[in-house]
Amino acid sequence: MERQILDYLRGDLLAGEALDELTAETDLFQLGVLESVRVMRLVAWLEKTFEFQARPADLVPEHFRTVAAIGSYLRSRGKAA
């Protein structure tokens, strides 16, 4: 799951930006990978890819700070690893 998310971030969301240091533990906000528009694009992709509906109350920075946190959030919503 985390590998899929990293691949999406590198390939689609960041198209063309060189971010070799991006790992599952990278702070995506601090590095500038995520900002408001990209978060919404990421959430839309996650919903489609992992077939679930994000609840508005779940759209908090803690769930999206790192790829590992995103994976934990998805697992808490019953999505398999």
PDB file of N, CA and C in Angstrom:
ATOM      1  N   MET A   1       0.823  -1.185   0.000  1.00  0.00           N
ATOM      2  CA  MET A   1       0.000   0.000   0.000  1.00  0.00           C
ATOM      3  C   MET A   1       0.877   1.263   0.000  1.00  0.00           C
ATOM      4  N   GLU A   2       1.859   1.305   0.906  1.00  0.00           N
ATOM      5  CA  GLU A   2       2.739   2.467   0.961  1.00  0.00           C
ATOM      6  C   GLU A   2       3.509   2.646  -0.349  1.00  0.00           C
ATOM      7  N   ARG A   3       3.911   1.518  -0.971  1.00  0.00           N
ATOM      8  CA  ARG A   3       4.634   1.596  -2.247  1.00  0.00           C
ATOM      9  C   ARG A   3       3.749   2.224  -3.314  1.00  0.00           C
ATOM     10  N   GLN A   4       2.472   1.840  -3.363  1.00  0.00           N
ATOM     11  CA  GLN A   4       1.527   2.422  -4.328  1.00  0.00           C
ATOM     12  C   GLN A   4       1.394   3.925  -4.113  1.00  0.00           C
ATOM     13  N   ILE A   5       1.311   4.334  -2.861  1.00  0.00           N
ATOM     14  CA  ILE A   5       1.160   5.755  -2.537  1.00  0.00           C
ATOM     15  C   ILE A   5       2.410   6.522  -2.942  1.00  0.00           C
ATOM     16  N   LEU A   6       3.587   5.985  -2.612  1.00  0.00           N
ATOM     17  CA  LEU A   6       4.839   6.636  -3.019  1.00  0.00           C
ATOM     18  C   LEU A   6       4.922   6.749  -4.541  1.00  0.00           C
ATOM     19  N   ASP A   7       4.551   5.694  -5.239  1.00  0.00           N
ATOM     20  CA  ASP A   7       4.585   5.731  -6.705  1.00  0.00           C
ATOM     21  C   ASP A   7       3.654   6.804  -7.247  1.00  0.00           C
ATOM     22  N   TYR A   8       2.466   6.923  -6.656  1.00  0.00           N
ATOM     23  CA  TYR A   8       1.528   7.963  -7.085  1.00  0.00           C
ATOM     24  C   TYR A   8       2.112   9.353  -6.820  1.00  0.00           C
ATOM     25  N   LEU A   9       2.652   9.551  -5.632  1.00  0.00           N
ATOM     26  CA  LEU A   9       3.216  10.858  -5.303  1.00  0.00           C
ATOM     27  C   LEU A   9       4.329  11.231  -6.277  1.00  0.00           C
ATOM     28  N   ARG A  10       5.233  10.304  -6.520  1.00  0.00           N
ATOM     29  CA  ARG A  10       6.373  10.575  -7.405  1.00  0.00           C
ATOM     30  C   ARG A  10       5.952  10.732  -8.863  1.00  0.00           C
ATOM     31  N   GLY A  11       5.047   9.878  -9.311  1.00  0.00           N
ATOM     32  CA  GLY A  11       4.723   9.837 -10.731  1.00  0.00           C
ATOM     33  C   GLY A  11       3.630  10.776 -11.184  1.00  0.00           C
ATOM     34  N   ASP A  12       2.557  10.850 -10.438  1.00  0.00           N
ATOM     35  CA  ASP A  12       1.396  11.621 -10.883  1.00  0.00           C
ATOM     36  C   ASP A  12       1.278  12.966 -10.185  1.00  0.00           C
ATOM     37  N   LEU A  13       1.314  12.941  -8.865  1.00  0.00           N
ATOM     38  CA  LEU A  13       1.085  14.172  -8.124  1.00  0.00           C
ATOM     39  C   LEU A  13       2.236  15.157  -8.284  1.00  0.00           C
ATOM     40  N   LEU A  14       3.453  14.646  -8.342  1.00  0.00           N
ATOM     41  CA  LEU A  14       4.632  15.515  -8.424  1.00  0.00           C
ATOM     42  C   LEU A  14       5.271  15.514  -9.793  1.00  0.00           C
ATOM     43  N   ALA A  15       4.584  15.049 -10.785  1.00  0.00           N
ATOM     44  CA  ALA A  15       5.093  14.885 -12.139  1.00  0.00           C
ATOM     45  C   ALA A  15       6.249  15.828 -12.470  1.00  0.00           C
ATOM     46  N   GLY A  16       7.418  15.244 -12.617  1.00  0.00           N
ATOM     47  CA  GLY A  16       8.579  16.006 -13.038  1.00  0.00           C
ATOM     48  C   GLY A  16       9.423  16.574 -11.920  1.00  0.00           C
ATOM     49  N   GLU A  17       8.915  16.609 -10.697  1.00  0.00           N
ATOM     50  CA  GLU A  17       9.707  17.130  -9.588  1.00  0.00           C
ATOM     51  C   GLU A  17      10.623  16.020  -9.078  1.00  0.00           C
ATOM     52  N   ALA A  18      11.899  16.328  -8.936  1.00  0.00           N
ATOM     53  CA  ALA A  18      12.872  15.346  -8.461  1.00  0.00           C
ATOM     54  C   ALA A  18      12.852  15.319  -6.943  1.00  0.00           C
ATOM     55  N   LEU A  19      12.351  14.241  -6.384  1.00  0.00           N
ATOM     56  CA  LEU A  19      12.295  14.086  -4.934  1.00  0.00           C
ATOM     57  C   LEU A  19      12.794  12.699  -4.556  1.00  0.00           C
ATOM     58  N   ASP A  20      14.079  12.472  -4.789  1.00  0.00           N
ATOM     59  CA  ASP A  20      14.662  11.171  -4.488  1.00  0.00           C
ATOM     60  C   ASP A  20      14.611  10.861  -3.002  1.00  0.00           C
ATOM     61  N   GLU A  21      14.572  11.906  -2.154  1.00  0.00           N
ATOM     62  CA  GLU A  21      14.577  11.693  -0.712  1.00  0.00           C
ATOM     63  C   GLU A  21      13.212  11.322  -0.145  1.00  0.00           C
ATOM     64  N   LEU A  22      12.208  11.234  -0.986  1.00  0.00           N
ATOM     65  CA  LEU A  22      10.864  10.902  -0.541  1.00  0.00           C
ATOM     66  C   LEU A  22      10.789   9.440  -0.098  1.00  0.00           C
ATOM     67  N   THR A  23      10.453   9.230   1.191  1.00  0.00           N
ATOM     68  CA  THR A  23      10.307   7.890   1.760  1.00  0.00           C
ATOM     69  C   THR A  23       8.969   7.823   2.484  1.00  0.00           C
ATOM     70  N   ALA A  24       8.660   6.671   3.040  1.00  0.00           N
ATOM     71  CA  ALA A  24       7.416   6.503   3.783  1.00  0.00           C
ATOM     72  C   ALA A  24       7.376   7.354   5.045  1.00  0.00           C
ATOM     73  N   GLU A  25       8.540   7.803   5.525  1.00  0.00           N
ATOM     74  CA  GLU A  25       8.609   8.593   6.756  1.00  0.00           C
ATOM     75  C   GLU A  25       8.841  10.084   6.511  1.00  0.00           C
ATOM     76  N   THR A  26       8.951  10.505   5.265  1.00  0.00           N
ATOM     77  CA  THR A  26       9.166  11.920   4.926  1.00  0.00           C
ATOM     78  C   THR A  26       7.953  12.746   5.327  1.00  0.00           C
ATOM     79  N   ASP A  27       8.183  13.883   5.987  1.00  0.00           N
ATOM     80  CA  ASP A  27       7.098  14.808   6.316  1.00  0.00           C
ATOM     81  C   ASP A  27       6.690  15.508   5.025  1.00  0.00           C
ATOM     82  N   LEU A  28       5.546  15.135   4.497  1.00  0.00           N
ATOM     83  CA  LEU A  28       5.107  15.615   3.183  1.00  0.00           C
ATOM     84  C   LEU A  28       4.754  17.099   3.180  1.00  0.00           C
ATOM     85  N   PHE A  29       4.337  17.624   4.320  1.00  0.00           N
ATOM     86  CA  PHE A  29       4.032  19.052   4.415  1.00  0.00           C
ATOM     87  C   PHE A  29       5.316  19.867   4.520  1.00  0.00           C
ATOM     88  N   GLN A  30       6.230  19.421   5.366  1.00  0.00           N
ATOM     89  CA  GLN A  30       7.489  20.137   5.559  1.00  0.00           C
ATOM     90  C   GLN A  30       8.313  20.180   4.276  1.00  0.00           C
ATOM     91  N   LEU A  31       8.319  19.093   3.525  1.00  0.00           N
ATOM     92  CA  LEU A  31       9.079  19.028   2.273  1.00  0.00           C
ATOM     93  C   LEU A  31       8.393  19.803   1.146  1.00  0.00           C
ATOM     94  N   GLY A  32       7.134  20.165   1.356  1.00  0.00           N
ATOM     95  CA  GLY A  32       6.414  20.906   0.332  1.00  0.00           C
ATOM     96  C   GLY A  32       5.723  20.023  -0.691  1.00  0.00           C
ATOM     97  N   VAL A  33       5.660  18.725  -0.414  1.00  0.00           N
ATOM     98  CA  VAL A  33       5.009  17.792  -1.328  1.00  0.00           C
ATOM     99  C   VAL A  33       3.507  18.011  -1.318  1.00  0.00           C
ATOM    100  N   LEU A  34       2.943  18.232  -0.128  1.00  0.00           N
ATOM    101  CA  LEU A  34       1.502  18.431  -0.010  1.00  0.00           C
ATOM    102  C   LEU A  34       1.165  19.849   0.409  1.00  0.00           C
ATOM    103  N   GLU A  35       0.165  20.391  -0.245  1.00  0.00           N
ATOM    104  CA  GLU A  35      -0.483  21.641   0.130  1.00  0.00           C
ATOM    105  C   GLU A  35      -1.956  21.422  -0.173  1.00  0.00           C
ATOM    106  N   SER A  36      -2.790  22.391   0.032  1.00  0.00           N
ATOM    107  CA  SER A  36      -4.237  22.164   0.006  1.00  0.00           C
ATOM    108  C   SER A  36      -4.750  21.494  -1.274  1.00  0.00           C
ATOM    109  N   VAL A  37      -4.334  21.966  -2.425  1.00  0.00           N
ATOM    110  CA  VAL A  37      -4.835  21.383  -3.677  1.00  0.00           C
ATOM    111  C   VAL A  37      -4.311  19.956  -3.851  1.00  0.00           C
ATOM    112  N   ARG A  38      -3.052  19.740  -3.565  1.00  0.00           N
ATOM    113  CA  ARG A  38      -2.496  18.394  -3.708  1.00  0.00           C
ATOM    114  C   ARG A  38      -3.108  17.423  -2.702  1.00  0.00           C
ATOM    115  N   VAL A  39      -3.442  17.896  -1.517  1.00  0.00           N
ATOM    116  CA  VAL A  39      -4.103  17.007  -0.551  1.00  0.00           C
ATOM    117  C   VAL A  39      -5.430  16.530  -1.125  1.00  0.00           C
ATOM    118  N   MET A  40      -6.190  17.431  -1.708  1.00  0.00           N
ATOM    119  CA  MET A  40      -7.482  17.043  -2.265  1.00  0.00           C
ATOM    120  C   MET A  40      -7.314  16.090  -3.447  1.00  0.00           C
ATOM    121  N   ARG A  41      -6.300  16.314  -4.279  1.00  0.00           N
ATOM    122  CA  ARG A  41      -6.029  15.378  -5.382  1.00  0.00           C
ATOM    123  C   ARG A  41      -5.631  14.011  -4.845  1.00  0.00           C
ATOM    124  N   LEU A  42      -4.800  14.007  -3.792  1.00  0.00           N
ATOM    125  CA  LEU A  42      -4.382  12.753  -3.170  1.00  0.00           C
ATOM    126  C   LEU A  42      -5.585  12.019  -2.582  1.00  0.00           C
ATOM    127  N   VAL A  43      -6.442  12.726  -1.865  1.00  0.00           N
ATOM    128  CA  VAL A  43      -7.622  12.102  -1.264  1.00  0.00           C
ATOM    129  C   VAL A  43      -8.515  11.503  -2.352  1.00  0.00           C
ATOM    130  N   ALA A  44      -8.720  12.232  -3.436  1.00  0.00           N
ATOM    131  CA  ALA A  44      -9.539  11.704  -4.537  1.00  0.00           C
ATOM    132  C   ALA A  44      -8.924  10.424  -5.100  1.00  0.00           C
ATOM    133  N   TRP A  45      -7.612  10.418  -5.273  1.00  0.00           N
ATOM    134  CA  TRP A  45      -6.930   9.219  -5.778  1.00  0.00           C
ATOM    135  C   TRP A  45      -7.046   8.069  -4.787  1.00  0.00           C
ATOM    136  N   LEU A  46      -6.843   8.347  -3.496  1.00  0.00           N
ATOM    137  CA  LEU A  46      -6.952   7.306  -2.470  1.00  0.00           C
ATOM    138  C   LEU A  46      -8.353   6.700  -2.467  1.00  0.00           C
ATOM    139  N   GLU A  47      -9.375   7.551  -2.541  1.00  0.00           N
ATOM    140  CA  GLU A  47     -10.757   7.061  -2.543  1.00  0.00           C
ATOM    141  C   GLU A  47     -11.017   6.144  -3.732  1.00  0.00           C
ATOM    142  N   LYS A  48     -10.537   6.542  -4.887  1.00  0.00           N
ATOM    143  CA  LYS A  48     -10.739   5.734  -6.095  1.00  0.00           C
ATOM    144  C   LYS A  48      -9.921   4.440  -6.044  1.00  0.00           C
ATOM    145  N   THR A  49      -8.671   4.555  -5.672  1.00  0.00           N
ATOM    146  CA  THR A  49      -7.763   3.410  -5.684  1.00  0.00           C
ATOM    147  C   THR A  49      -8.127   2.374  -4.625  1.00  0.00           C
ATOM    148  N   PHE A  50      -8.467   2.849  -3.428  1.00  0.00           N
ATOM    149  CA  PHE A  50      -8.721   1.934  -2.317  1.00  0.00           C
ATOM    150  C   PHE A  50     -10.218   1.783  -2.006  1.00  0.00           C
ATOM    151  N   GLU A  51     -11.048   2.333  -2.882  1.00  0.00           N
ATOM    152  CA  GLU A  51     -12.502   2.159  -2.839  1.00  0.00           C
ATOM    153  C   GLU A  51     -13.101   2.423  -1.458  1.00  0.00           C
ATOM    154  N   PHE A  52     -12.998   3.664  -1.031  1.00  0.00           N
ATOM    155  CA  PHE A  52     -13.617   4.079   0.217  1.00  0.00           C
ATOM    156  C   PHE A  52     -13.958   5.561   0.112  1.00  0.00           C
ATOM    157  N   GLN A  53     -14.705   6.044   1.079  1.00  0.00           N
ATOM    158  CA  GLN A  53     -15.085   7.461   1.131  1.00  0.00           C
ATOM    159  C   GLN A  53     -14.438   8.085   2.356  1.00  0.00           C
ATOM    160  N   ALA A  54     -13.601   9.089   2.148  1.00  0.00           N
ATOM    161  CA  ALA A  54     -12.989   9.796   3.277  1.00  0.00           C
ATOM    162  C   ALA A  54     -14.048  10.654   3.959  1.00  0.00           C
ATOM    163  N   ARG A  55     -14.081  10.569   5.263  1.00  0.00           N
ATOM    164  CA  ARG A  55     -15.009  11.397   6.036  1.00  0.00           C
ATOM    165  C   ARG A  55     -14.380  12.760   6.260  1.00  0.00           C
ATOM    166  N   PRO A  56     -15.159  13.828   6.205  1.00  0.00           N
ATOM    167  CA  PRO A  56     -14.602  15.170   6.433  1.00  0.00           C
ATOM    168  C   PRO A  56     -13.798  15.271   7.727  1.00  0.00           C
ATOM    169  N   ALA A  57     -14.257  14.610   8.785  1.00  0.00           N
ATOM    170  CA  ALA A  57     -13.551  14.655  10.069  1.00  0.00           C
ATOM    171  C   ALA A  57     -12.173  13.995  10.004  1.00  0.00           C
ATOM    172  N   ASP A  58     -11.960  13.139   8.997  1.00  0.00           N
ATOM    173  CA  ASP A  58     -10.674  12.451   8.844  1.00  0.00           C
ATOM    174  C   ASP A  58      -9.640  13.269   8.084  1.00  0.00           C
ATOM    175  N   LEU A  59     -10.053  14.367   7.493  1.00  0.00           N
ATOM    176  CA  LEU A  59      -9.136  15.167   6.671  1.00  0.00           C
ATOM    177  C   LEU A  59      -8.327  16.114   7.544  1.00  0.00           C
ATOM    178  N   VAL A  60      -7.467  15.505   8.354  1.00  0.00           N
ATOM    179  CA  VAL A  60      -6.605  16.252   9.264  1.00  0.00           C
ATOM    180  C   VAL A  60      -5.149  15.982   8.890  1.00  0.00           C
ATOM    181  N   PRO A  61      -4.267  16.940   9.122  1.00  0.00           N
ATOM    182  CA  PRO A  61      -2.863  16.772   8.732  1.00  0.00           C
ATOM    183  C   PRO A  61      -2.204  15.501   9.270  1.00  0.00           C
ATOM    184  N   GLU A  62      -2.575  15.068  10.460  1.00  0.00           N
ATOM    185  CA  GLU A  62      -1.948  13.892  11.056  1.00  0.00           C
ATOM    186  C   GLU A  62      -2.123  12.642  10.189  1.00  0.00           C
ATOM    187  N   HIS A  63      -3.221  12.547   9.466  1.00  0.00           N
ATOM    188  CA  HIS A  63      -3.464  11.371   8.621  1.00  0.00           C
ATOM    189  C   HIS A  63      -2.678  11.423   7.311  1.00  0.00           C
ATOM    190  N   PHE A  64      -2.125  12.581   6.970  1.00  0.00           N
ATOM    191  CA  PHE A  64      -1.482  12.747   5.659  1.00  0.00           C
ATOM    192  C   PHE A  64      -0.053  13.264   5.752  1.00  0.00           C
ATOM    193  N   ARG A  65       0.485  13.361   6.974  1.00  0.00           N
ATOM    194  CA  ARG A  65       1.826  13.936   7.162  1.00  0.00           C
ATOM    195  C   ARG A  65       2.912  13.103   6.490  1.00  0.00           C
ATOM    196  N   THR A  66       2.785  11.782   6.543  1.00  0.00           N
ATOM    197  CA  THR A  66       3.765  10.886   5.913  1.00  0.00           C
ATOM    198  C   THR A  66       3.017   9.794   5.152  1.00  0.00           C
ATOM    199  N   VAL A  67       3.714   9.125   4.278  1.00  0.00           N
ATOM    200  CA  VAL A  67       3.115   7.998   3.565  1.00  0.00           C
ATOM    201  C   VAL A  67       2.759   6.901   4.567  1.00  0.00           C
ATOM    202  N   ALA A  68       3.600   6.703   5.572  1.00  0.00           N
ATOM    203  CA  ALA A  68       3.294   5.708   6.607  1.00  0.00           C
ATOM    204  C   ALA A  68       2.005   6.070   7.342  1.00  0.00           C
ATOM    205  N   ALA A  69       1.797   7.357   7.630  1.00  0.00           N
ATOM    206  CA  ALA A  69       0.572   7.806   8.303  1.00  0.00           C
ATOM    207  C   ALA A  69      -0.647   7.583   7.406  1.00  0.00           C
ATOM    208  N   ILE A  70      -0.491   7.813   6.112  1.00  0.00           N
ATOM    209  CA  ILE A  70      -1.587   7.568   5.175  1.00  0.00           C
ATOM    210  C   ILE A  70      -1.942   6.086   5.178  1.00  0.00           C
ATOM    211  N   GLY A  71      -0.925   5.228   5.153  1.00  0.00           N
ATOM    212  CA  GLY A  71      -1.166   3.784   5.209  1.00  0.00           C
ATOM    213  C   GLY A  71      -1.880   3.380   6.487  1.00  0.00           C
ATOM    214  N   SER A  72      -1.468   3.946   7.614  1.00  0.00           N
ATOM    215  CA  SER A  72      -2.122   3.647   8.899  1.00  0.00           C
ATOM    216  C   SER A  72      -3.576   4.099   8.874  1.00  0.00           C
ATOM    217  N   TYR A  73      -3.808   5.280   8.332  1.00  0.00           N
ATOM    218  CA  TYR A  73      -5.173   5.792   8.220  1.00  0.00           C
ATOM    219  C   TYR A  73      -6.029   4.843   7.384  1.00  0.00           C
ATOM    220  N   LEU A  74      -5.517   4.412   6.227  1.00  0.00           N
ATOM    221  CA  LEU A  74      -6.270   3.514   5.370  1.00  0.00           C
ATOM    222  C   LEU A  74      -6.550   2.181   6.070  1.00  0.00           C
ATOM    223  N   ARG A  75      -5.567   1.649   6.774  1.00  0.00           N
ATOM    224  CA  ARG A  75      -5.780   0.398   7.506  1.00  0.00           C
ATOM    225  C   ARG A  75      -6.830   0.592   8.606  1.00  0.00           C
ATOM    226  N   SER A  76      -6.860   1.769   9.240  1.00  0.00           N
ATOM    227  CA  SER A  76      -7.861   2.033  10.275  1.00  0.00           C
ATOM    228  C   SER A  76      -9.274   2.089   9.676  1.00  0.00           C
ATOM    229  N   ARG A  77      -9.346   2.370   8.387  1.00  0.00           N
ATOM    230  CA  ARG A  77     -10.640   2.397   7.668  1.00  0.00           C
ATOM    231  C   ARG A  77     -10.968   1.029   7.067  1.00  0.00           C
ATOM    232  N   GLY A  78     -10.160   0.015   7.406  1.00  0.00           N
ATOM    233  CA  GLY A  78     -10.463  -1.346   6.962  1.00  0.00           C
ATOM    234  C   GLY A  78      -9.892  -1.717   5.612  1.00  0.00           C
ATOM    235  N   LYS A  79      -8.962  -0.904   5.104  1.00  0.00           N
ATOM    236  CA  LYS A  79      -8.337  -1.216   3.816  1.00  0.00           C
ATOM    237  C   LYS A  79      -7.122  -2.109   4.061  1.00  0.00           C
ATOM    238  N   ALA A  80      -6.996  -3.176   3.286  1.00  0.00           N
ATOM    239  CA  ALA A  80      -5.905  -4.135   3.444  1.00  0.00           C
ATOM    240  C   ALA A  80      -4.576  -3.526   3.035  1.00  0.00           C
ATOM    241  N   ALA A  81      -3.525  -4.054   3.622  1.00  0.00           N
ATOM    242  CA  ALA A  81      -2.160  -3.590   3.309  1.00  0.00           C
ATOM    243  C   ALA A  81      -1.719  -4.076   1.957  1.00  0.00           C
TER     244      ALA A  81
END
